[in-house]
PDB file of N, CA and C in Angstrom:
ATOM      1  N   UNK A   1     -62.313  32.554 291.395  1.00  0.00           N
ATOM      2  CA  UNK A   1     -63.111  32.605 290.217  1.00  0.00           C
ATOM      3  C   UNK A   1     -63.639  31.206 289.876  1.00  0.00           C
ATOM      4  N   UNK A   2     -64.897  31.133 289.658  1.00  0.00           N
ATOM      5  CA  UNK A   2     -65.547  29.854 289.344  1.00  0.00           C
ATOM      6  C   UNK A   2     -65.269  29.521 287.867  1.00  0.00           C
ATOM      7  N   UNK A   3     -64.832  28.283 287.652  1.00  0.00           N
ATOM      8  CA  UNK A   3     -64.512  27.860 286.304  1.00  0.00           C
ATOM      9  C   UNK A   3     -65.598  26.913 285.792  1.00  0.00           C
ATOM     10  N   UNK A   4     -66.577  27.465 285.288  1.00  0.00           N
ATOM     11  CA  UNK A   4     -67.797  26.723 284.792  1.00  0.00           C
ATOM     12  C   UNK A   4     -67.460  25.753 283.700  1.00  0.00           C
ATOM     13  N   UNK A   5     -66.633  26.182 282.796  1.00  0.00           N
ATOM     14  CA  UNK A   5     -66.238  25.401 281.580  1.00  0.00           C
ATOM     15  C   UNK A   5     -65.535  24.123 282.076  1.00  0.00           C
ATOM     16  N   UNK A   6     -64.603  24.228 282.992  1.00  0.00           N
ATOM     17  CA  UNK A   6     -63.902  23.082 283.504  1.00  0.00           C
ATOM     18  C   UNK A   6     -64.839  22.166 284.226  1.00  0.00           C
ATOM     19  N   UNK A   7     -65.770  22.764 285.085  1.00  0.00           N
ATOM     20  CA  UNK A   7     -66.789  21.924 285.658  1.00  0.00           C
ATOM     21  C   UNK A   7     -67.620  21.140 284.650  1.00  0.00           C
ATOM     22  N   UNK A   8     -67.982  21.807 283.614  1.00  0.00           N
ATOM     23  CA  UNK A   8     -68.744  21.234 282.517  1.00  0.00           C
ATOM     24  C   UNK A   8     -67.980  20.075 281.871  1.00  0.00           C
ATOM     25  N   UNK A   9     -66.670  20.291 281.691  1.00  0.00           N
ATOM     26  CA  UNK A   9     -65.818  19.252 281.132  1.00  0.00           C
ATOM     27  C   UNK A   9     -65.868  18.065 281.975  1.00  0.00           C
ATOM     28  N   UNK A  10     -65.655  18.192 283.233  1.00  0.00           N
ATOM     29  CA  UNK A  10     -65.708  17.006 284.139  1.00  0.00           C
ATOM     30  C   UNK A  10     -67.040  16.289 284.119  1.00  0.00           C
ATOM     31  N   UNK A  11     -68.112  17.016 284.107  1.00  0.00           N
ATOM     32  CA  UNK A  11     -69.424  16.429 284.000  1.00  0.00           C
ATOM     33  C   UNK A  11     -69.683  15.734 282.689  1.00  0.00           C
ATOM     34  N   UNK A  12     -69.180  16.328 281.597  1.00  0.00           N
ATOM     35  CA  UNK A  12     -69.371  15.684 280.316  1.00  0.00           C
ATOM     36  C   UNK A  12     -68.677  14.468 280.116  1.00  0.00           C
ATOM     37  N   UNK A  13     -67.375  14.420 280.690  1.00  0.00           N
ATOM     38  CA  UNK A  13     -66.614  13.126 280.648  1.00  0.00           C
ATOM     39  C   UNK A  13     -67.305  12.074 281.455  1.00  0.00           C
ATOM     40  N   UNK A  14     -67.809  12.425 282.587  1.00  0.00           N
ATOM     41  CA  UNK A  14     -68.540  11.445 283.431  1.00  0.00           C
ATOM     42  C   UNK A  14     -69.840  10.956 282.715  1.00  0.00           C
ATOM     43  N   UNK A  15     -70.526  11.879 282.115  1.00  0.00           N
ATOM     44  CA  UNK A  15     -71.772  11.506 281.445  1.00  0.00           C
ATOM     45  C   UNK A  15     -71.481  10.599 280.201  1.00  0.00           C
ATOM     46  N   UNK A  16     -70.376  10.915 279.567  1.00  0.00           N
ATOM     47  CA  UNK A  16     -70.055  10.168 278.378  1.00  0.00           C
ATOM     48  C   UNK A  16     -69.831   8.613 278.757  1.00  0.00           C
ATOM     49  N   UNK A  17     -69.241   8.463 279.976  1.00  0.00           N
ATOM     50  CA  UNK A  17     -69.022   7.061 280.384  1.00  0.00           C
ATOM     51  C   UNK A  17     -70.295   6.230 280.470  1.00  0.00           C
ATOM     52  N   UNK A  18     -71.417   6.891 280.783  1.00  0.00           N
ATOM     53  CA  UNK A  18     -72.726   6.157 280.931  1.00  0.00           C
ATOM     54  C   UNK A  18     -73.624   6.360 279.746  1.00  0.00           C
ATOM     55  N   UNK A  19     -73.057   7.004 278.657  1.00  0.00           N
ATOM     56  CA  UNK A  19     -73.834   7.224 277.423  1.00  0.00           C
ATOM     57  C   UNK A  19     -74.746   8.420 277.442  1.00  0.00           C
ATOM     58  N   UNK A  20     -74.570   9.319 278.358  1.00  0.00           N
ATOM     59  CA  UNK A  20     -75.478  10.482 278.453  1.00  0.00           C
ATOM     60  C   UNK A  20     -75.024  11.642 277.568  1.00  0.00           C
ATOM     61  N   UNK A  21     -73.795  11.551 277.150  1.00  0.00           N
ATOM     62  CA  UNK A  21     -73.269  12.727 276.290  1.00  0.00           C
ATOM     63  C   UNK A  21     -72.429  12.016 275.252  1.00  0.00           C
ATOM     64  N   UNK A  22     -72.522  12.590 274.005  1.00  0.00           N
ATOM     65  CA  UNK A  22     -71.836  11.962 272.855  1.00  0.00           C
ATOM     66  C   UNK A  22     -70.394  12.395 272.939  1.00  0.00           C
ATOM     67  N   UNK A  23     -69.509  11.594 272.278  1.00  0.00           N
ATOM     68  CA  UNK A  23     -68.113  11.925 272.163  1.00  0.00           C
ATOM     69  C   UNK A  23     -67.870  13.222 271.435  1.00  0.00           C
ATOM     70  N   UNK A  24     -68.670  13.500 270.486  1.00  0.00           N
ATOM     71  CA  UNK A  24     -68.584  14.811 269.774  1.00  0.00           C
ATOM     72  C   UNK A  24     -68.794  15.985 270.705  1.00  0.00           C
ATOM     73  N   UNK A  25     -69.758  15.913 271.624  1.00  0.00           N
ATOM     74  CA  UNK A  25     -69.903  16.929 272.586  1.00  0.00           C
ATOM     75  C   UNK A  25     -68.730  17.110 273.491  1.00  0.00           C
ATOM     76  N   UNK A  26     -68.234  16.020 273.985  1.00  0.00           N
ATOM     77  CA  UNK A  26     -67.030  16.046 274.829  1.00  0.00           C
ATOM     78  C   UNK A  26     -65.807  16.619 274.060  1.00  0.00           C
ATOM     79  N   UNK A  27     -65.638  16.209 272.878  1.00  0.00           N
ATOM     80  CA  UNK A  27     -64.591  16.809 272.058  1.00  0.00           C
ATOM     81  C   UNK A  27     -64.764  18.355 271.878  1.00  0.00           C
ATOM     82  N   UNK A  28     -65.930  18.782 271.665  1.00  0.00           N
ATOM     83  CA  UNK A  28     -66.233  20.136 271.522  1.00  0.00           C
ATOM     84  C   UNK A  28     -65.948  20.942 272.751  1.00  0.00           C
ATOM     85  N   UNK A  29     -66.289  20.431 274.004  1.00  0.00           N
ATOM     86  CA  UNK A  29     -66.028  21.080 275.243  1.00  0.00           C
ATOM     87  C   UNK A  29     -64.503  21.067 275.446  1.00  0.00           C
ATOM     88  N   UNK A  30     -63.840  20.004 275.198  1.00  0.00           N
ATOM     89  CA  UNK A  30     -62.402  19.992 275.363  1.00  0.00           C
ATOM     90  C   UNK A  30     -61.670  20.954 274.460  1.00  0.00           C
ATOM     91  N   UNK A  31     -62.153  21.122 273.232  1.00  0.00           N
ATOM     92  CA  UNK A  31     -61.590  22.089 272.326  1.00  0.00           C
ATOM     93  C   UNK A  31     -61.760  23.554 272.769  1.00  0.00           C
ATOM     94  N   UNK A  32     -62.899  23.775 273.342  1.00  0.00           N
ATOM     95  CA  UNK A  32     -63.162  25.237 273.885  1.00  0.00           C
ATOM     96  C   UNK A  32     -62.220  25.447 275.021  1.00  0.00           C
ATOM     97  N   UNK A  33     -61.944  24.474 275.812  1.00  0.00           N
ATOM     98  CA  UNK A  33     -60.976  24.675 277.006  1.00  0.00           C
ATOM     99  C   UNK A  33     -59.563  24.859 276.459  1.00  0.00           C
ATOM    100  N   UNK A  34     -59.187  24.110 275.424  1.00  0.00           N
ATOM    101  CA  UNK A  34     -57.847  24.156 274.845  1.00  0.00           C
ATOM    102  C   UNK A  34     -57.693  25.569 274.270  1.00  0.00           C
ATOM    103  N   UNK A  35     -58.722  26.088 273.542  1.00  0.00           N
ATOM    104  CA  UNK A  35     -58.611  27.468 272.921  1.00  0.00           C
ATOM    105  C   UNK A  35     -58.493  28.531 274.038  1.00  0.00           C
ATOM    106  N   UNK A  36     -59.273  28.353 275.037  1.00  0.00           N
ATOM    107  CA  UNK A  36     -59.157  29.361 276.204  1.00  0.00           C
ATOM    108  C   UNK A  36     -57.755  29.349 276.743  1.00  0.00           C
ATOM    109  N   UNK A  37     -57.171  28.195 276.959  1.00  0.00           N
ATOM    110  CA  UNK A  37     -55.784  28.117 277.499  1.00  0.00           C
ATOM    111  C   UNK A  37     -54.836  28.676 276.541  1.00  0.00           C
ATOM    112  N   UNK A  38     -55.012  28.489 275.255  1.00  0.00           N
ATOM    113  CA  UNK A  38     -54.109  29.027 274.195  1.00  0.00           C
ATOM    114  C   UNK A  38     -54.167  30.445 274.303  1.00  0.00           C
ATOM    115  N   UNK A  39     -55.359  31.057 274.363  1.00  0.00           N
ATOM    116  CA  UNK A  39     -55.438  32.531 274.327  1.00  0.00           C
ATOM    117  C   UNK A  39     -54.821  33.064 275.517  1.00  0.00           C
ATOM    118  N   UNK A  40     -54.961  32.390 276.676  1.00  0.00           N
ATOM    119  CA  UNK A  40     -54.312  32.947 277.904  1.00  0.00           C
ATOM    120  C   UNK A  40     -52.799  32.947 277.761  1.00  0.00           C
ATOM    121  N   UNK A  41     -52.215  32.019 277.036  1.00  0.00           N
ATOM    122  CA  UNK A  41     -50.771  31.997 276.847  1.00  0.00           C
ATOM    123  C   UNK A  41     -50.343  33.090 275.938  1.00  0.00           C
ATOM    124  N   UNK A  42     -51.252  33.474 275.059  1.00  0.00           N
ATOM    125  CA  UNK A  42     -50.794  34.582 274.124  1.00  0.00           C
ATOM    126  C   UNK A  42     -50.603  35.872 274.806  1.00  0.00           C
ATOM    127  N   UNK A  43     -51.297  36.069 275.902  1.00  0.00           N
ATOM    128  CA  UNK A  43     -51.216  37.333 276.610  1.00  0.00           C
ATOM    129  C   UNK A  43     -52.065  38.451 275.863  1.00  0.00           C
ATOM    130  N   UNK A  44     -51.984  39.630 276.366  1.00  0.00           N
ATOM    131  CA  UNK A  44     -52.797  40.738 275.841  1.00  0.00           C
ATOM    132  C   UNK A  44     -52.093  41.273 274.639  1.00  0.00           C
ATOM    133  N   UNK A  45     -52.823  41.511 273.599  1.00  0.00           N
ATOM    134  CA  UNK A  45     -52.249  42.188 272.387  1.00  0.00           C
ATOM    135  C   UNK A  45     -52.782  43.611 272.395  1.00  0.00           C
ATOM    136  N   UNK A  46     -51.797  44.517 272.415  1.00  0.00           N
ATOM    137  CA  UNK A  46     -52.126  45.964 272.462  1.00  0.00           C
ATOM    138  C   UNK A  46     -51.929  46.602 271.123  1.00  0.00           C
ATOM    139  N   UNK A  47     -52.736  47.561 270.826  1.00  0.00           N
ATOM    140  CA  UNK A  47     -52.567  48.332 269.530  1.00  0.00           C
ATOM    141  C   UNK A  47     -51.369  49.226 269.725  1.00  0.00           C
ATOM    142  N   UNK A  48     -50.830  49.672 268.553  1.00  0.00           N
ATOM    143  CA  UNK A  48     -49.648  50.542 268.590  1.00  0.00           C
ATOM    144  C   UNK A  48     -49.831  51.679 267.632  1.00  0.00           C
ATOM    145  N   UNK A  49     -49.454  52.867 268.026  1.00  0.00           N
ATOM    146  CA  UNK A  49     -49.559  53.980 267.160  1.00  0.00           C
ATOM    147  C   UNK A  49     -48.334  53.946 266.187  1.00  0.00           C
ATOM    148  N   UNK A  50     -48.423  54.769 265.177  1.00  0.00           N
ATOM    149  CA  UNK A  50     -47.339  54.848 264.255  1.00  0.00           C
ATOM    150  C   UNK A  50     -46.020  55.219 264.823  1.00  0.00           C
ATOM    151  N   UNK A  51     -46.088  56.160 265.840  1.00  0.00           N
ATOM    152  CA  UNK A  51     -44.856  56.551 266.488  1.00  0.00           C
ATOM    153  C   UNK A  51     -44.280  55.463 267.312  1.00  0.00           C
ATOM    154  N   UNK A  52     -45.166  54.649 268.001  1.00  0.00           N
ATOM    155  CA  UNK A  52     -44.705  53.482 268.756  1.00  0.00           C
ATOM    156  C   UNK A  52     -43.986  52.438 267.899  1.00  0.00           C
ATOM    157  N   UNK A  53     -44.610  52.231 266.722  1.00  0.00           N
ATOM    158  CA  UNK A  53     -43.984  51.335 265.764  1.00  0.00           C
ATOM    159  C   UNK A  53     -42.623  51.787 265.307  1.00  0.00           C
ATOM    160  N   UNK A  54     -42.523  53.049 264.941  1.00  0.00           N
ATOM    161  CA  UNK A  54     -41.246  53.633 264.548  1.00  0.00           C
ATOM    162  C   UNK A  54     -40.165  53.537 265.623  1.00  0.00           C
ATOM    163  N   UNK A  55     -40.570  53.827 266.857  1.00  0.00           N
ATOM    164  CA  UNK A  55     -39.628  53.776 267.999  1.00  0.00           C
ATOM    165  C   UNK A  55     -39.166  52.311 268.259  1.00  0.00           C
ATOM    166  N   UNK A  56     -40.132  51.352 268.078  1.00  0.00           N
ATOM    167  CA  UNK A  56     -39.816  49.976 268.280  1.00  0.00           C
ATOM    168  C   UNK A  56     -38.814  49.559 267.188  1.00  0.00           C
ATOM    169  N   UNK A  57     -39.124  49.889 265.994  1.00  0.00           N
ATOM    170  CA  UNK A  57     -38.220  49.525 264.858  1.00  0.00           C
ATOM    171  C   UNK A  57     -36.794  50.130 265.056  1.00  0.00           C
ATOM    172  N   UNK A  58     -36.748  51.418 265.425  1.00  0.00           N
ATOM    173  CA  UNK A  58     -35.486  52.092 265.610  1.00  0.00           C
ATOM    174  C   UNK A  58     -34.668  51.472 266.877  1.00  0.00           C
ATOM    175  N   UNK A  59     -35.459  51.103 267.865  1.00  0.00           N
ATOM    176  CA  UNK A  59     -34.805  50.544 269.113  1.00  0.00           C
ATOM    177  C   UNK A  59     -34.055  49.242 268.743  1.00  0.00           C
ATOM    178  N   UNK A  60     -34.548  48.541 267.723  1.00  0.00           N
ATOM    179  CA  UNK A  60     -33.949  47.328 267.298  1.00  0.00           C
ATOM    180  C   UNK A  60     -33.087  47.480 266.063  1.00  0.00           C
ATOM    181  N   UNK A  61     -32.759  48.787 265.756  1.00  0.00           N
ATOM    182  CA  UNK A  61     -31.836  49.134 264.696  1.00  0.00           C
ATOM    183  C   UNK A  61     -32.315  48.506 263.302  1.00  0.00           C
ATOM    184  N   UNK A  62     -33.588  48.646 263.024  1.00  0.00           N
ATOM    185  CA  UNK A  62     -34.139  48.075 261.816  1.00  0.00           C
ATOM    186  C   UNK A  62     -34.573  49.277 260.949  1.00  0.00           C
ATOM    187  N   UNK A  63     -34.383  49.164 259.620  1.00  0.00           N
ATOM    188  CA  UNK A  63     -34.967  50.034 258.708  1.00  0.00           C
ATOM    189  C   UNK A  63     -36.394  49.554 258.385  1.00  0.00           C
ATOM    190  N   UNK A  64     -37.114  50.327 257.755  1.00  0.00           N
ATOM    191  CA  UNK A  64     -38.505  49.898 257.319  1.00  0.00           C
ATOM    192  C   UNK A  64     -38.354  48.699 256.487  1.00  0.00           C
ATOM    193  N   UNK A  65     -37.401  48.709 255.556  1.00  0.00           N
ATOM    194  CA  UNK A  65     -37.332  47.582 254.612  1.00  0.00           C
ATOM    195  C   UNK A  65     -36.919  46.251 255.392  1.00  0.00           C
ATOM    196  N   UNK A  66     -36.100  46.402 256.424  1.00  0.00           N
ATOM    197  CA  UNK A  66     -35.683  45.254 257.168  1.00  0.00           C
ATOM    198  C   UNK A  66     -36.862  44.685 257.933  1.00  0.00           C
ATOM    199  N   UNK A  67     -37.614  45.572 258.604  1.00  0.00           N
ATOM    200  CA  UNK A  67     -38.836  45.103 259.352  1.00  0.00           C
ATOM    201  C   UNK A  67     -39.785  44.401 258.392  1.00  0.00           C
ATOM    202  N   UNK A  68     -39.996  45.089 257.230  1.00  0.00           N
ATOM    203  CA  UNK A  68     -40.911  44.571 256.172  1.00  0.00           C
ATOM    204  C   UNK A  68     -40.493  43.194 255.802  1.00  0.00           C
ATOM    205  N   UNK A  69     -39.180  42.972 255.565  1.00  0.00           N
ATOM    206  CA  UNK A  69     -38.648  41.616 255.141  1.00  0.00           C
ATOM    207  C   UNK A  69     -38.947  40.578 256.270  1.00  0.00           C
ATOM    208  N   UNK A  70     -38.601  40.908 257.439  1.00  0.00           N
ATOM    209  CA  UNK A  70     -38.812  40.072 258.621  1.00  0.00           C
ATOM    210  C   UNK A  70     -40.299  39.667 258.790  1.00  0.00           C
ATOM    211  N   UNK A  71     -41.245  40.518 258.508  1.00  0.00           N
ATOM    212  CA  UNK A  71     -42.608  40.339 258.653  1.00  0.00           C
ATOM    213  C   UNK A  71     -43.307  39.837 257.404  1.00  0.00           C
ATOM    214  N   UNK A  72     -42.556  39.719 256.286  1.00  0.00           N
ATOM    215  CA  UNK A  72     -43.115  39.290 254.995  1.00  0.00           C
ATOM    216  C   UNK A  72     -44.181  40.290 254.557  1.00  0.00           C
ATOM    217  N   UNK A  73     -43.932  41.567 254.671  1.00  0.00           N
ATOM    218  CA  UNK A  73     -44.777  42.652 254.234  1.00  0.00           C
ATOM    219  C   UNK A  73     -44.021  43.582 253.359  1.00  0.00           C
ATOM    220  N   UNK A  74     -44.729  44.585 252.844  1.00  0.00           N
ATOM    221  CA  UNK A  74     -44.008  45.586 251.976  1.00  0.00           C
ATOM    222  C   UNK A  74     -43.574  46.702 252.873  1.00  0.00           C
ATOM    223  N   UNK A  75     -42.550  47.413 252.292  1.00  0.00           N
ATOM    224  CA  UNK A  75     -42.039  48.610 252.976  1.00  0.00           C
ATOM    225  C   UNK A  75     -43.102  49.697 252.987  1.00  0.00           C
ATOM    226  N   UNK A  76     -43.955  49.714 252.023  1.00  0.00           N
ATOM    227  CA  UNK A  76     -45.037  50.665 251.974  1.00  0.00           C
ATOM    228  C   UNK A  76     -46.011  50.430 253.148  1.00  0.00           C
ATOM    229  N   UNK A  77     -46.257  49.217 253.522  1.00  0.00           N
ATOM    230  CA  UNK A  77     -47.119  48.852 254.644  1.00  0.00           C
ATOM    231  C   UNK A  77     -46.597  49.455 255.990  1.00  0.00           C
ATOM    232  N   UNK A  78     -45.264  49.186 256.157  1.00  0.00           N
ATOM    233  CA  UNK A  78     -44.565  49.687 257.375  1.00  0.00           C
ATOM    234  C   UNK A  78     -44.621  51.205 257.370  1.00  0.00           C
ATOM    235  N   UNK A  79     -44.365  51.823 256.247  1.00  0.00           N
ATOM    236  CA  UNK A  79     -44.401  53.231 256.180  1.00  0.00           C
ATOM    237  C   UNK A  79     -45.797  53.833 256.509  1.00  0.00           C
ATOM    238  N   UNK A  80     -46.808  53.213 256.002  1.00  0.00           N
ATOM    239  CA  UNK A  80     -48.175  53.645 256.254  1.00  0.00           C
ATOM    240  C   UNK A  80     -48.524  53.483 257.717  1.00  0.00           C
ATOM    241  N   UNK A  81     -48.057  52.391 258.396  1.00  0.00           N
ATOM    242  CA  UNK A  81     -48.282  52.218 259.820  1.00  0.00           C
ATOM    243  C   UNK A  81     -47.634  53.355 260.582  1.00  0.00           C
ATOM    244  N   UNK A  82     -46.387  53.674 260.231  1.00  0.00           N
ATOM    245  CA  UNK A  82     -45.693  54.725 260.977  1.00  0.00           C
ATOM    246  C   UNK A  82     -46.333  56.077 260.719  1.00  0.00           C
ATOM    247  N   UNK A  83     -46.973  56.326 259.656  1.00  0.00           N
ATOM    248  CA  UNK A  83     -47.645  57.619 259.381  1.00  0.00           C
ATOM    249  C   UNK A  83     -49.090  57.586 259.870  1.00  0.00           C
ATOM    250  N   UNK A  84     -49.440  56.505 260.509  1.00  0.00           N
ATOM    251  CA  UNK A  84     -50.850  56.347 260.969  1.00  0.00           C
ATOM    252  C   UNK A  84     -51.836  56.390 259.921  1.00  0.00           C
ATOM    253  N   UNK A  85     -51.467  55.943 258.706  1.00  0.00           N
ATOM    254  CA  UNK A  85     -52.469  55.886 257.546  1.00  0.00           C
ATOM    255  C   UNK A  85     -53.189  54.573 257.558  1.00  0.00           C
ATOM    256  N   UNK A  86     -52.484  53.533 258.134  1.00  0.00           N
ATOM    257  CA  UNK A  86     -53.078  52.242 258.326  1.00  0.00           C
ATOM    258  C   UNK A  86     -52.633  51.715 259.693  1.00  0.00           C
ATOM    259  N   UNK A  87     -53.428  50.807 260.211  1.00  0.00           N
ATOM    260  CA  UNK A  87     -53.079  50.244 261.508  1.00  0.00           C
ATOM    261  C   UNK A  87     -52.773  48.731 261.335  1.00  0.00           C
ATOM    262  N   UNK A  88     -51.782  48.175 261.968  1.00  0.00           N
ATOM    263  CA  UNK A  88     -51.584  46.762 261.981  1.00  0.00           C
ATOM    264  C   UNK A  88     -52.603  46.059 262.747  1.00  0.00           C
ATOM    265  N   UNK A  89     -52.974  44.897 262.340  1.00  0.00           N
ATOM    266  CA  UNK A  89     -53.988  44.103 263.108  1.00  0.00           C
ATOM    267  C   UNK A  89     -53.571  42.615 262.950  1.00  0.00           C
ATOM    268  N   UNK A  90     -54.301  41.834 263.596  1.00  0.00           N
ATOM    269  CA  UNK A  90     -54.184  40.370 263.494  1.00  0.00           C
ATOM    270  C   UNK A  90     -52.773  39.871 263.828  1.00  0.00           C
ATOM    271  N   UNK A  91     -52.224  39.026 262.898  1.00  0.00           N
ATOM    272  CA  UNK A  91     -50.877  38.498 263.093  1.00  0.00           C
ATOM    273  C   UNK A  91     -49.853  39.532 263.192  1.00  0.00           C
ATOM    274  N   UNK A  92     -49.899  40.614 262.282  1.00  0.00           N
ATOM    275  CA  UNK A  92     -48.974  41.601 262.237  1.00  0.00           C
ATOM    276  C   UNK A  92     -48.798  42.295 263.610  1.00  0.00           C
ATOM    277  N   UNK A  93     -49.944  42.551 264.270  1.00  0.00           N
ATOM    278  CA  UNK A  93     -49.940  43.245 265.547  1.00  0.00           C
ATOM    279  C   UNK A  93     -49.382  42.280 266.612  1.00  0.00           C
ATOM    280  N   UNK A  94     -49.666  41.021 266.445  1.00  0.00           N
ATOM    281  CA  UNK A  94     -49.065  40.034 267.399  1.00  0.00           C
ATOM    282  C   UNK A  94     -47.551  39.915 267.250  1.00  0.00           C
ATOM    283  N   UNK A  95     -47.072  40.089 266.058  1.00  0.00           N
ATOM    284  CA  UNK A  95     -45.579  40.065 265.820  1.00  0.00           C
ATOM    285  C   UNK A  95     -44.958  41.313 266.413  1.00  0.00           C
ATOM    286  N   UNK A  96     -45.561  42.452 266.193  1.00  0.00           N
ATOM    287  CA  UNK A  96     -45.025  43.675 266.741  1.00  0.00           C
ATOM    288  C   UNK A  96     -45.077  43.632 268.277  1.00  0.00           C
ATOM    289  N   UNK A  97     -46.102  43.072 268.877  1.00  0.00           N
ATOM    290  CA  UNK A  97     -46.163  42.973 270.337  1.00  0.00           C
ATOM    291  C   UNK A  97     -45.048  42.011 270.806  1.00  0.00           C
ATOM    292  N   UNK A  98     -44.826  40.921 270.105  1.00  0.00           N
ATOM    293  CA  UNK A  98     -43.789  39.946 270.493  1.00  0.00           C
ATOM    294  C   UNK A  98     -42.432  40.589 270.312  1.00  0.00           C
ATOM    295  N   UNK A  99     -42.180  41.402 269.309  1.00  0.00           N
ATOM    296  CA  UNK A  99     -40.878  42.114 269.138  1.00  0.00           C
ATOM    297  C   UNK A  99     -40.689  43.024 270.266  1.00  0.00           C
ATOM    298  N   UNK A 100     -41.734  43.743 270.633  1.00  0.00           N
ATOM    299  CA  UNK A 100     -41.646  44.671 271.722  1.00  0.00           C
ATOM    300  C   UNK A 100     -41.324  43.960 273.053  1.00  0.00           C
ATOM    301  N   UNK A 101     -41.893  42.804 273.294  1.00  0.00           N
ATOM    302  CA  UNK A 101     -41.801  42.048 274.596  1.00  0.00           C
ATOM    303  C   UNK A 101     -40.492  41.309 274.642  1.00  0.00           C
ATOM    304  N   UNK A 102     -40.128  40.580 273.471  1.00  0.00           N
ATOM    305  CA  UNK A 102     -39.144  39.542 273.527  1.00  0.00           C
ATOM    306  C   UNK A 102     -37.860  40.033 272.740  1.00  0.00           C
ATOM    307  N   UNK A 103     -37.967  41.016 271.926  1.00  0.00           N
ATOM    308  CA  UNK A 103     -36.862  41.427 271.090  1.00  0.00           C
ATOM    309  C   UNK A 103     -36.691  40.562 269.844  1.00  0.00           C
ATOM    310  N   UNK A 104     -35.521  40.791 269.255  1.00  0.00           N
ATOM    311  CA  UNK A 104     -35.192  40.170 267.952  1.00  0.00           C
ATOM    312  C   UNK A 104     -35.111  38.648 267.994  1.00  0.00           C
ATOM    313  N   UNK A 105     -35.024  38.032 269.155  1.00  0.00           N
ATOM    314  CA  UNK A 105     -34.995  36.602 269.202  1.00  0.00           C
ATOM    315  C   UNK A 105     -36.217  35.966 268.561  1.00  0.00           C
ATOM    316  N   UNK A 106     -37.327  36.680 268.460  1.00  0.00           N
ATOM    317  CA  UNK A 106     -38.519  36.144 267.851  1.00  0.00           C
ATOM    318  C   UNK A 106     -38.250  35.744 266.365  1.00  0.00           C
ATOM    319  N   UNK A 107     -37.228  36.392 265.786  1.00  0.00           N
ATOM    320  CA  UNK A 107     -36.933  36.109 264.377  1.00  0.00           C
ATOM    321  C   UNK A 107     -35.743  35.172 264.239  1.00  0.00           C
ATOM    322  N   UNK A 108     -35.344  34.568 265.287  1.00  0.00           N
ATOM    323  CA  UNK A 108     -34.129  33.651 265.215  1.00  0.00           C
ATOM    324  C   UNK A 108     -34.292  32.562 264.217  1.00  0.00           C
ATOM    325  N   UNK A 109     -35.451  32.074 264.014  1.00  0.00           N
ATOM    326  CA  UNK A 109     -35.765  30.928 263.066  1.00  0.00           C
ATOM    327  C   UNK A 109     -35.447  31.337 261.609  1.00  0.00           C
ATOM    328  N   UNK A 110     -35.475  32.701 261.355  1.00  0.00           N
ATOM    329  CA  UNK A 110     -35.085  33.152 259.995  1.00  0.00           C
ATOM    330  C   UNK A 110     -33.677  32.788 259.602  1.00  0.00           C
ATOM    331  N   UNK A 111     -32.803  32.663 260.636  1.00  0.00           N
ATOM    332  CA  UNK A 111     -31.392  32.377 260.380  1.00  0.00           C
ATOM    333  C   UNK A 111     -31.058  30.950 260.704  1.00  0.00           C
ATOM    334  N   UNK A 112     -32.055  30.124 260.964  1.00  0.00           N
ATOM    335  CA  UNK A 112     -31.813  28.725 261.303  1.00  0.00           C
ATOM    336  C   UNK A 112     -31.381  28.542 262.724  1.00  0.00           C
ATOM    337  N   UNK A 113     -31.464  29.529 263.476  1.00  0.00           N
ATOM    338  CA  UNK A 113     -31.089  29.494 264.854  1.00  0.00           C
ATOM    339  C   UNK A 113     -32.242  29.121 265.804  1.00  0.00           C
ATOM    340  N   UNK A 114     -31.910  28.422 266.815  1.00  0.00           N
ATOM    341  CA  UNK A 114     -33.037  28.113 267.807  1.00  0.00           C
ATOM    342  C   UNK A 114     -32.991  29.198 268.867  1.00  0.00           C
ATOM    343  N   UNK A 115     -34.201  29.613 269.292  1.00  0.00           N
ATOM    344  CA  UNK A 115     -34.270  30.582 270.364  1.00  0.00           C
ATOM    345  C   UNK A 115     -34.348  29.842 271.704  1.00  0.00           C
ATOM    346  N   UNK A 116     -33.853  30.489 272.723  1.00  0.00           N
ATOM    347  CA  UNK A 116     -33.841  29.762 274.029  1.00  0.00           C
ATOM    348  C   UNK A 116     -35.029  30.291 274.862  1.00  0.00           C
TER     349      UNK A 116
END
């Protein structure tokens, strides 16, 4: 796969040395590459049905109230997700995906523990 953005980064850095490109332009290109790399590390975020959320919660022996506390949400929100009245999105969906992939260790910081 051709990586045009990385090629552009190299050219921009070279052009900056001779005054052909501003430092702001180079910073912008660098930030776009950093964001792309960050997104790649996040992995794919998948949506979850209410049944999948309920099964995930039960697999980790969590009540709706416990999951709500861990995620800093209301129990009503968790309940609505599980009944498919609302769908998690954004950060909440990322947390659910992480819980599904990594397990309860993602919440280790809540108890002052470091995760390995």
